[in-house]
Structure formats: C-alpha cells, structure tokens
PDB file of N, CA and C in Angstrom:
ATOM      1  N   MET A   1      55.707 -72.004-147.140  1.00  0.00           N
ATOM      2  CA  MET A   1      54.851 -72.069-145.988  1.00  0.00           C
ATOM      3  C   MET A   1      53.452 -71.614-146.417  1.00  0.00           C
ATOM      4  N   ASP A   2      52.463 -72.370-146.009  1.00  0.00           N
ATOM      5  CA  ASP A   2      51.076 -72.009-146.285  1.00  0.00           C
ATOM      6  C   ASP A   2      50.471 -71.357-145.050  1.00  0.00           C
ATOM      7  N   ILE A   3      49.845 -70.209-145.252  1.00  0.00           N
ATOM      8  CA  ILE A   3      49.162 -69.501-144.177  1.00  0.00           C
ATOM      9  C   ILE A   3      47.685 -69.453-144.528  1.00  0.00           C
ATOM     10  N   HIS A   4      46.845 -69.981-143.640  1.00  0.00           N
ATOM     11  CA  HIS A   4      45.399 -69.976-143.840  1.00  0.00           C
ATOM     12  C   HIS A   4      44.774 -69.018-142.831  1.00  0.00           C
ATOM     13  N   ILE A   5      43.967 -68.098-143.320  1.00  0.00           N
ATOM     14  CA  ILE A   5      43.277 -67.137-142.466  1.00  0.00           C
ATOM     15  C   ILE A   5      41.782 -67.385-142.610  1.00  0.00           C
ATOM     16  N   VAL A   6      41.105 -67.654-141.487  1.00  0.00           N
ATOM     17  CA  VAL A   6      39.657 -67.858-141.483  1.00  0.00           C
ATOM     18  C   VAL A   6      39.041 -66.632-140.823  1.00  0.00           C
ATOM     19  N   THR A   7      38.152 -65.944-141.529  1.00  0.00           N
ATOM     20  CA  THR A   7      37.605 -64.684-141.051  1.00  0.00           C
ATOM     21  C   THR A   7      36.211 -64.454-141.622  1.00  0.00           C
ATOM     22  N   ILE A   8      35.467 -63.540-141.012  1.00  0.00           N
ATOM     23  CA  ILE A   8      34.188 -63.151-141.605  1.00  0.00           C
ATOM     24  C   ILE A   8      34.369 -61.893-142.459  1.00  0.00           C
ATOM     25  N   PHE A   9      35.599 -61.397-142.547  1.00  0.00           N
ATOM     26  CA  PHE A   9      35.916 -60.229-143.371  1.00  0.00           C
ATOM     27  C   PHE A   9      37.067 -60.546-144.333  1.00  0.00           C
ATOM     28  N   PRO A  10      36.865 -61.441-145.304  1.00  0.00           N
ATOM     29  CA  PRO A  10      37.973 -61.845-146.180  1.00  0.00           C
ATOM     30  C   PRO A  10      38.510 -60.715-147.057  1.00  0.00           C
ATOM     31  N   GLU A  11      37.681 -59.735-147.376  1.00  0.00           N
ATOM     32  CA  GLU A  11      38.125 -58.636-148.239  1.00  0.00           C
ATOM     33  C   GLU A  11      39.263 -57.851-147.586  1.00  0.00           C
ATOM     34  N   ILE A  12      39.184 -57.680-146.275  1.00  0.00           N
ATOM     35  CA  ILE A  12      40.211 -56.922-145.560  1.00  0.00           C
ATOM     36  C   ILE A  12      41.563 -57.626-145.663  1.00  0.00           C
ATOM     37  N   PHE A  13      41.599 -58.916-145.410  1.00  0.00           N
ATOM     38  CA  PHE A  13      42.865 -59.647-145.425  1.00  0.00           C
ATOM     39  C   PHE A  13      43.406 -59.807-146.837  1.00  0.00           C
ATOM     40  N   SER A  14      42.532 -59.927-147.822  1.00  0.00           N
ATOM     41  CA  SER A  14      42.996 -60.039-149.203  1.00  0.00           C
ATOM     42  C   SER A  14      43.770 -58.792-149.603  1.00  0.00           C
ATOM     43  N   GLN A  15      43.340 -57.637-149.135  1.00  0.00           N
ATOM     44  CA  GLN A  15      44.035 -56.392-149.458  1.00  0.00           C
ATOM     45  C   GLN A  15      45.315 -56.229-148.643  1.00  0.00           C
ATOM     46  N   LEU A  16      45.292 -56.608-147.377  1.00  0.00           N
ATOM     47  CA  LEU A  16      46.463 -56.434-146.516  1.00  0.00           C
ATOM     48  C   LEU A  16      47.649 -57.290-146.936  1.00  0.00           C
ATOM     49  N   THR A  17      47.388 -58.426-147.541  1.00  0.00           N
ATOM     50  CA  THR A  17      48.486 -59.321-147.911  1.00  0.00           C
ATOM     51  C   THR A  17      49.215 -58.872-149.174  1.00  0.00           C
ATOM     52  N   ASP A  18      48.764 -57.790-149.790  1.00  0.00           N
ATOM     53  CA  ASP A  18      49.434 -57.269-150.981  1.00  0.00           C
ATOM     54  C   ASP A  18      50.470 -56.200-150.645  1.00  0.00           C
ATOM     55  N   PHE A  19      50.758 -56.004-149.366  1.00  0.00           N
ATOM     56  CA  PHE A  19      51.692 -54.968-148.947  1.00  0.00           C
ATOM     57  C   PHE A  19      52.698 -55.517-147.945  1.00  0.00           C
ATOM     58  N   GLY A  20      53.810 -54.817-147.812  1.00  0.00           N
ATOM     59  CA  GLY A  20      54.800 -55.109-146.777  1.00  0.00           C
ATOM     60  C   GLY A  20      55.434 -56.480-146.885  1.00  0.00           C
ATOM     61  N   ILE A  21      55.652 -57.071-145.719  1.00  0.00           N
ATOM     62  CA  ILE A  21      56.381 -58.334-145.638  1.00  0.00           C
ATOM     63  C   ILE A  21      55.619 -59.482-146.304  1.00  0.00           C
ATOM     64  N   PHE A  22      54.291 -59.427-146.263  1.00  0.00           N
ATOM     65  CA  PHE A  22      53.503 -60.469-146.929  1.00  0.00           C
ATOM     66  C   PHE A  22      53.718 -60.425-148.441  1.00  0.00           C
ATOM     67  N   ARG A  23      53.738 -59.234-149.023  1.00  0.00           N
ATOM     68  CA  ARG A  23      53.959 -59.092-150.464  1.00  0.00           C
ATOM     69  C   ARG A  23      55.337 -59.624-150.846  1.00  0.00           C
ATOM     70  N   ILE A  24      56.339 -59.284-150.067  1.00  0.00           N
ATOM     71  CA  ILE A  24      57.702 -59.733-150.356  1.00  0.00           C
ATOM     72  C   ILE A  24      57.783 -61.256-150.279  1.00  0.00           C
ATOM     73  N   GLY A  25      57.194 -61.830-149.242  1.00  0.00           N
ATOM     74  CA  GLY A  25      57.186 -63.287-149.102  1.00  0.00           C
ATOM     75  C   GLY A  25      56.482 -63.974-150.254  1.00  0.00           C
ATOM     76  N   LYS A  26      55.367 -63.397-150.713  1.00  0.00           N
ATOM     77  CA  LYS A  26      54.641 -63.975-151.851  1.00  0.00           C
ATOM     78  C   LYS A  26      55.460 -63.866-153.132  1.00  0.00           C
ATOM     79  N   GLU A  27      56.086 -62.711-153.355  1.00  0.00           N
ATOM     80  CA  GLU A  27      56.892 -62.512-154.563  1.00  0.00           C
ATOM     81  C   GLU A  27      58.075 -63.473-154.622  1.00  0.00           C
ATOM     82  N   LYS A  28      58.674 -63.761-153.488  1.00  0.00           N
ATOM     83  CA  LYS A  28      59.822 -64.672-153.436  1.00  0.00           C
ATOM     84  C   LYS A  28      59.402 -66.134-153.391  1.00  0.00           C
ATOM     85  N   GLY A  29      58.100 -66.384-153.325  1.00  0.00           N
ATOM     86  CA  GLY A  29      57.605 -67.754-153.282  1.00  0.00           C
ATOM     87  C   GLY A  29      57.813 -68.437-151.940  1.00  0.00           C
ATOM     88  N   LEU A  30      58.015 -67.655-150.890  1.00  0.00           N
ATOM     89  CA  LEU A  30      58.252 -68.222-149.566  1.00  0.00           C
ATOM     90  C   LEU A  30      56.959 -68.566-148.834  1.00  0.00           C
ATOM     91  N   ILE A  31      55.893 -67.831-149.142  1.00  0.00           N
ATOM     92  CA  ILE A  31      54.619 -68.075-148.464  1.00  0.00           C
ATOM     93  C   ILE A  31      53.468 -68.086-149.463  1.00  0.00           C
ATOM     94  N   ASN A  32      52.461 -68.832-149.135  1.00  0.00           N
ATOM     95  CA  ASN A  32      51.185 -68.819-149.849  1.00  0.00           C
ATOM     96  C   ASN A  32      50.127 -68.461-148.822  1.00  0.00           C
ATOM     97  N   ILE A  33      49.318 -67.463-149.124  1.00  0.00           N
ATOM     98  CA  ILE A  33      48.298 -67.020-148.184  1.00  0.00           C
ATOM     99  C   ILE A  33      46.927 -67.355-148.754  1.00  0.00           C
ATOM    100  N   PHE A  34      46.135 -68.063-147.945  1.00  0.00           N
ATOM    101  CA  PHE A  34      44.783 -68.449-148.335  1.00  0.00           C
ATOM    102  C   PHE A  34      43.807 -67.835-147.341  1.00  0.00           C
ATOM    103  N   VAL A  35      42.843 -67.085-147.840  1.00  0.00           N
ATOM    104  CA  VAL A  35      41.848 -66.446-146.985  1.00  0.00           C
ATOM    105  C   VAL A  35      40.525 -67.170-147.184  1.00  0.00           C
ATOM    106  N   HIS A  36      39.937 -67.639-146.078  1.00  0.00           N
ATOM    107  CA  HIS A  36      38.686 -68.392-146.119  1.00  0.00           C
ATOM    108  C   HIS A  36      37.603 -67.607-145.392  1.00  0.00           C
ATOM    109  N   ASN A  37      36.410 -67.578-145.968  1.00  0.00           N
ATOM    110  CA  ASN A  37      35.277 -66.899-145.356  1.00  0.00           C
ATOM    111  C   ASN A  37      34.558 -67.876-144.428  1.00  0.00           C
ATOM    112  N   LEU A  38      34.501 -67.571-143.135  1.00  0.00           N
ATOM    113  CA  LEU A  38      33.850 -68.445-142.160  1.00  0.00           C
ATOM    114  C   LEU A  38      32.378 -68.660-142.502  1.00  0.00           C
ATOM    115  N   ARG A  39      31.761 -67.691-143.139  1.00  0.00           N
ATOM    116  CA  ARG A  39      30.340 -67.804-143.497  1.00  0.00           C
ATOM    117  C   ARG A  39      30.089 -68.935-144.504  1.00  0.00           C
ATOM    118  N   ASP A  40      31.095 -69.343-145.236  1.00  0.00           N
ATOM    119  CA  ASP A  40      30.944 -70.449-146.192  1.00  0.00           C
ATOM    120  C   ASP A  40      30.730 -71.788-145.495  1.00  0.00           C
ATOM    121  N   PHE A  41      30.962 -71.854-144.204  1.00  0.00           N
ATOM    122  CA  PHE A  41      30.864 -73.112-143.465  1.00  0.00           C
ATOM    123  C   PHE A  41      29.668 -73.152-142.515  1.00  0.00           C
ATOM    124  N   THR A  42      28.738 -72.229-142.681  1.00  0.00           N
ATOM    125  CA  THR A  42      27.526 -72.217-141.857  1.00  0.00           C
ATOM    126  C   THR A  42      26.432 -73.014-142.545  1.00  0.00           C
ATOM    127  N   SER A  43      25.393 -73.364-141.784  1.00  0.00           N
ATOM    128  CA  SER A  43      24.336 -74.202-142.360  1.00  0.00           C
ATOM    129  C   SER A  43      23.000 -73.478-142.509  1.00  0.00           C
ATOM    130  N   ASP A  44      22.883 -72.253-142.008  1.00  0.00           N
ATOM    131  CA  ASP A  44      21.606 -71.553-142.146  1.00  0.00           C
ATOM    132  C   ASP A  44      21.620 -70.624-143.352  1.00  0.00           C
ATOM    133  N   LYS A  45      20.443 -70.214-143.780  1.00  0.00           N
ATOM    134  CA  LYS A  45      20.347 -69.414-145.004  1.00  0.00           C
ATOM    135  C   LYS A  45      20.912 -68.005-144.841  1.00  0.00           C
ATOM    136  N   HIS A  46      21.043 -67.537-143.600  1.00  0.00           N
ATOM    137  CA  HIS A  46      21.572 -66.196-143.359  1.00  0.00           C
ATOM    138  C   HIS A  46      23.088 -66.191-143.150  1.00  0.00           C
ATOM    139  N   LYS A  47      23.704 -67.372-143.154  1.00  0.00           N
ATOM    140  CA  LYS A  47      25.153 -67.527-142.960  1.00  0.00           C
ATOM    141  C   LYS A  47      25.618 -66.881-141.649  1.00  0.00           C
ATOM    142  N   THR A  48      24.897 -67.192-140.574  1.00  0.00           N
ATOM    143  CA  THR A  48      25.150 -66.627-139.255  1.00  0.00           C
ATOM    144  C   THR A  48      26.398 -67.237-138.618  1.00  0.00           C
ATOM    145  N   THR A  49      27.255 -66.385-138.057  1.00  0.00           N
ATOM    146  CA  THR A  49      28.465 -66.864-137.387  1.00  0.00           C
ATOM    147  C   THR A  49      28.508 -66.488-135.912  1.00  0.00           C
ATOM    148  N   ASP A  50      27.509 -65.751-135.435  1.00  0.00           N
ATOM    149  CA  ASP A  50      27.498 -65.363-134.023  1.00  0.00           C
ATOM    150  C   ASP A  50      26.111 -65.552-133.423  1.00  0.00           C
ATOM    151  N   ASP A  51      26.041 -65.497-132.099  1.00  0.00           N
ATOM    152  CA  ASP A  51      24.787 -65.711-131.384  1.00  0.00           C
ATOM    153  C   ASP A  51      24.862 -64.982-130.048  1.00  0.00           C
ATOM    154  N   ARG A  52      23.732 -64.867-129.400  1.00  0.00           N
ATOM    155  CA  ARG A  52      23.683 -64.237-128.074  1.00  0.00           C
ATOM    156  C   ARG A  52      24.305 -65.189-127.043  1.00  0.00           C
ATOM    157  N   PRO A  53      24.934 -64.648-126.002  1.00  0.00           N
ATOM    158  CA  PRO A  53      25.535 -65.514-124.981  1.00  0.00           C
ATOM    159  C   PRO A  53      24.478 -66.285-124.189  1.00  0.00           C
ATOM    160  N   TYR A  54      24.797 -67.516-123.846  1.00  0.00           N
ATOM    161  CA  TYR A  54      23.902 -68.343-123.039  1.00  0.00           C
ATOM    162  C   TYR A  54      23.747 -67.701-121.666  1.00  0.00           C
ATOM    163  N   GLY A  55      22.528 -67.584-121.201  1.00  0.00           N
ATOM    164  CA  GLY A  55      22.270 -66.976-119.902  1.00  0.00           C
ATOM    165  C   GLY A  55      22.103 -65.471-119.964  1.00  0.00           C
ATOM    166  N   GLY A  56      22.137 -64.915-121.163  1.00  0.00           N
ATOM    167  CA  GLY A  56      21.947 -63.473-121.306  1.00  0.00           C
ATOM    168  C   GLY A  56      23.240 -62.701-121.178  1.00  0.00           C
ATOM    169  N   GLY A  57      23.100 -61.418-121.110  1.00  0.00           N
ATOM    170  CA  GLY A  57      24.268 -60.553-121.012  1.00  0.00           C
ATOM    171  C   GLY A  57      24.491 -59.784-122.300  1.00  0.00           C
ATOM    172  N   ALA A  58      25.379 -58.833-122.226  1.00  0.00           N
ATOM    173  CA  ALA A  58      25.656 -57.984-123.377  1.00  0.00           C
ATOM    174  C   ALA A  58      26.608 -58.668-124.353  1.00  0.00           C
ATOM    175  N   GLY A  59      26.530 -58.253-125.596  1.00  0.00           N
ATOM    176  CA  GLY A  59      27.467 -58.718-126.607  1.00  0.00           C
ATOM    177  C   GLY A  59      27.016 -59.957-127.349  1.00  0.00           C
ATOM    178  N   MET A  60      27.917 -60.462-128.162  1.00  0.00           N
ATOM    179  CA  MET A  60      27.670 -61.646-128.982  1.00  0.00           C
ATOM    180  C   MET A  60      28.867 -62.583-128.829  1.00  0.00           C
ATOM    181  N   VAL A  61      28.649 -63.858-129.130  1.00  0.00           N
ATOM    182  CA  VAL A  61      29.721 -64.856-129.106  1.00  0.00           C
ATOM    183  C   VAL A  61      29.732 -65.598-130.437  1.00  0.00           C
ATOM    184  N   MET A  62      30.882 -66.162-130.780  1.00  0.00           N
ATOM    185  CA  MET A  62      30.988 -66.928-132.022  1.00  0.00           C
ATOM    186  C   MET A  62      30.252 -68.253-131.883  1.00  0.00           C
ATOM    187  N   LEU A  63      29.572 -68.663-132.937  1.00  0.00           N
ATOM    188  CA  LEU A  63      28.973 -69.992-132.977  1.00  0.00           C
ATOM    189  C   LEU A  63      30.087 -71.023-133.133  1.00  0.00           C
ATOM    190  N   VAL A  64      29.947 -72.149-132.494  1.00  0.00           N
ATOM    191  CA  VAL A  64      30.956 -73.199-132.582  1.00  0.00           C
ATOM    192  C   VAL A  64      30.863 -73.924-133.918  1.00  0.00           C
ATOM    193  N   GLU A  65      29.672 -74.144-134.416  1.00  0.00           N
ATOM    194  CA  GLU A  65      29.434 -74.993-135.590  1.00  0.00           C
ATOM    195  C   GLU A  65      30.344 -74.713-136.791  1.00  0.00           C
ATOM    196  N   PRO A  66      30.488 -73.468-137.264  1.00  0.00           N
ATOM    197  CA  PRO A  66      31.289 -73.275-138.476  1.00  0.00           C
ATOM    198  C   PRO A  66      32.799 -73.409-138.277  1.00  0.00           C
ATOM    199  N   VAL A  67      33.284 -73.258-137.047  1.00  0.00           N
ATOM    200  CA  VAL A  67      34.734 -73.267-136.817  1.00  0.00           C
ATOM    201  C   VAL A  67      35.365 -74.627-137.119  1.00  0.00           C
ATOM    202  N   PRO A  68      34.871 -75.750-136.547  1.00  0.00           N
ATOM    203  CA  PRO A  68      35.486 -77.039-136.895  1.00  0.00           C
ATOM    204  C   PRO A  68      35.310 -77.402-138.369  1.00  0.00           C
ATOM    205  N   LYS A  69      34.200 -76.992-138.961  1.00  0.00           N
ATOM    206  CA  LYS A  69      34.003 -77.257-140.394  1.00  0.00           C
ATOM    207  C   LYS A  69      35.070 -76.544-141.213  1.00  0.00           C
ATOM    208  N   ALA A  70      35.380 -75.312-140.843  1.00  0.00           N
ATOM    209  CA  ALA A  70      36.405 -74.555-141.561  1.00  0.00           C
ATOM    210  C   ALA A  70      37.779 -75.191-141.374  1.00  0.00           C
ATOM    211  N   ILE A  71      38.097 -75.608-140.157  1.00  0.00           N
ATOM    212  CA  ILE A  71      39.401 -76.221-139.878  1.00  0.00           C
ATOM    213  C   ILE A  71      39.556 -77.539-140.625  1.00  0.00           C
ATOM    214  N   GLU A  72      38.499 -78.345-140.664  1.00  0.00           N
ATOM    215  CA  GLU A  72      38.557 -79.620-141.393  1.00  0.00           C
ATOM    216  C   GLU A  72      38.786 -79.396-142.880  1.00  0.00           C
ATOM    217  N   ASN A  73      38.290 -78.292-143.402  1.00  0.00           N
ATOM    218  CA  ASN A  73      38.415 -77.991-144.823  1.00  0.00           C
ATOM    219  C   ASN A  73      39.826 -77.540-145.193  1.00  0.00           C
ATOM    220  N   LEU A  74      40.596 -77.057-144.228  1.00  0.00           N
ATOM    221  CA  LEU A  74      41.954 -76.592-144.530  1.00  0.00           C
ATOM    222  C   LEU A  74      42.768 -77.772-144.919  1.00  0.00           C
TER     223      LEU A  74
END
C-alpha cells in the first residue's frame, strides 16, 4: 500500500514514520510512505501556501492553487 502525505512540514512526518506501526509496516514491506512538500507546487518565489481570508477576518486560509497540482503529481 502506498501512502502519500502532502504537508508544509515534511520533516515532521519523515521522522514520525520511523517509529511504531509505520516502522513495522515499512520493515515488512506492507506500506510505502511518500512525503511531499506542498511548497514545491507553488508558483511564486516565496513558495506561499496560505493567504488572508476573502472579506477580511482573523486567521489564514490555504491557497487552492498548490493543492490540485500536488494531487495531480501523486
């Protein structure tokens, strides 16, 4: 089974998959884990993945643009 994880923090998931049930699954050849950095699929020089919400308000929202690009690449 192939597991693909798309995140803006690939270092965290790369370390977590070396322990517990993920490690056992990898050692037995039952799973393959691929971690993808969402920033690799952005088009601006700052590799931005979030933006302010439309209409104002607190917080940030994910940009739509890099998500379908990442999914198509899987």
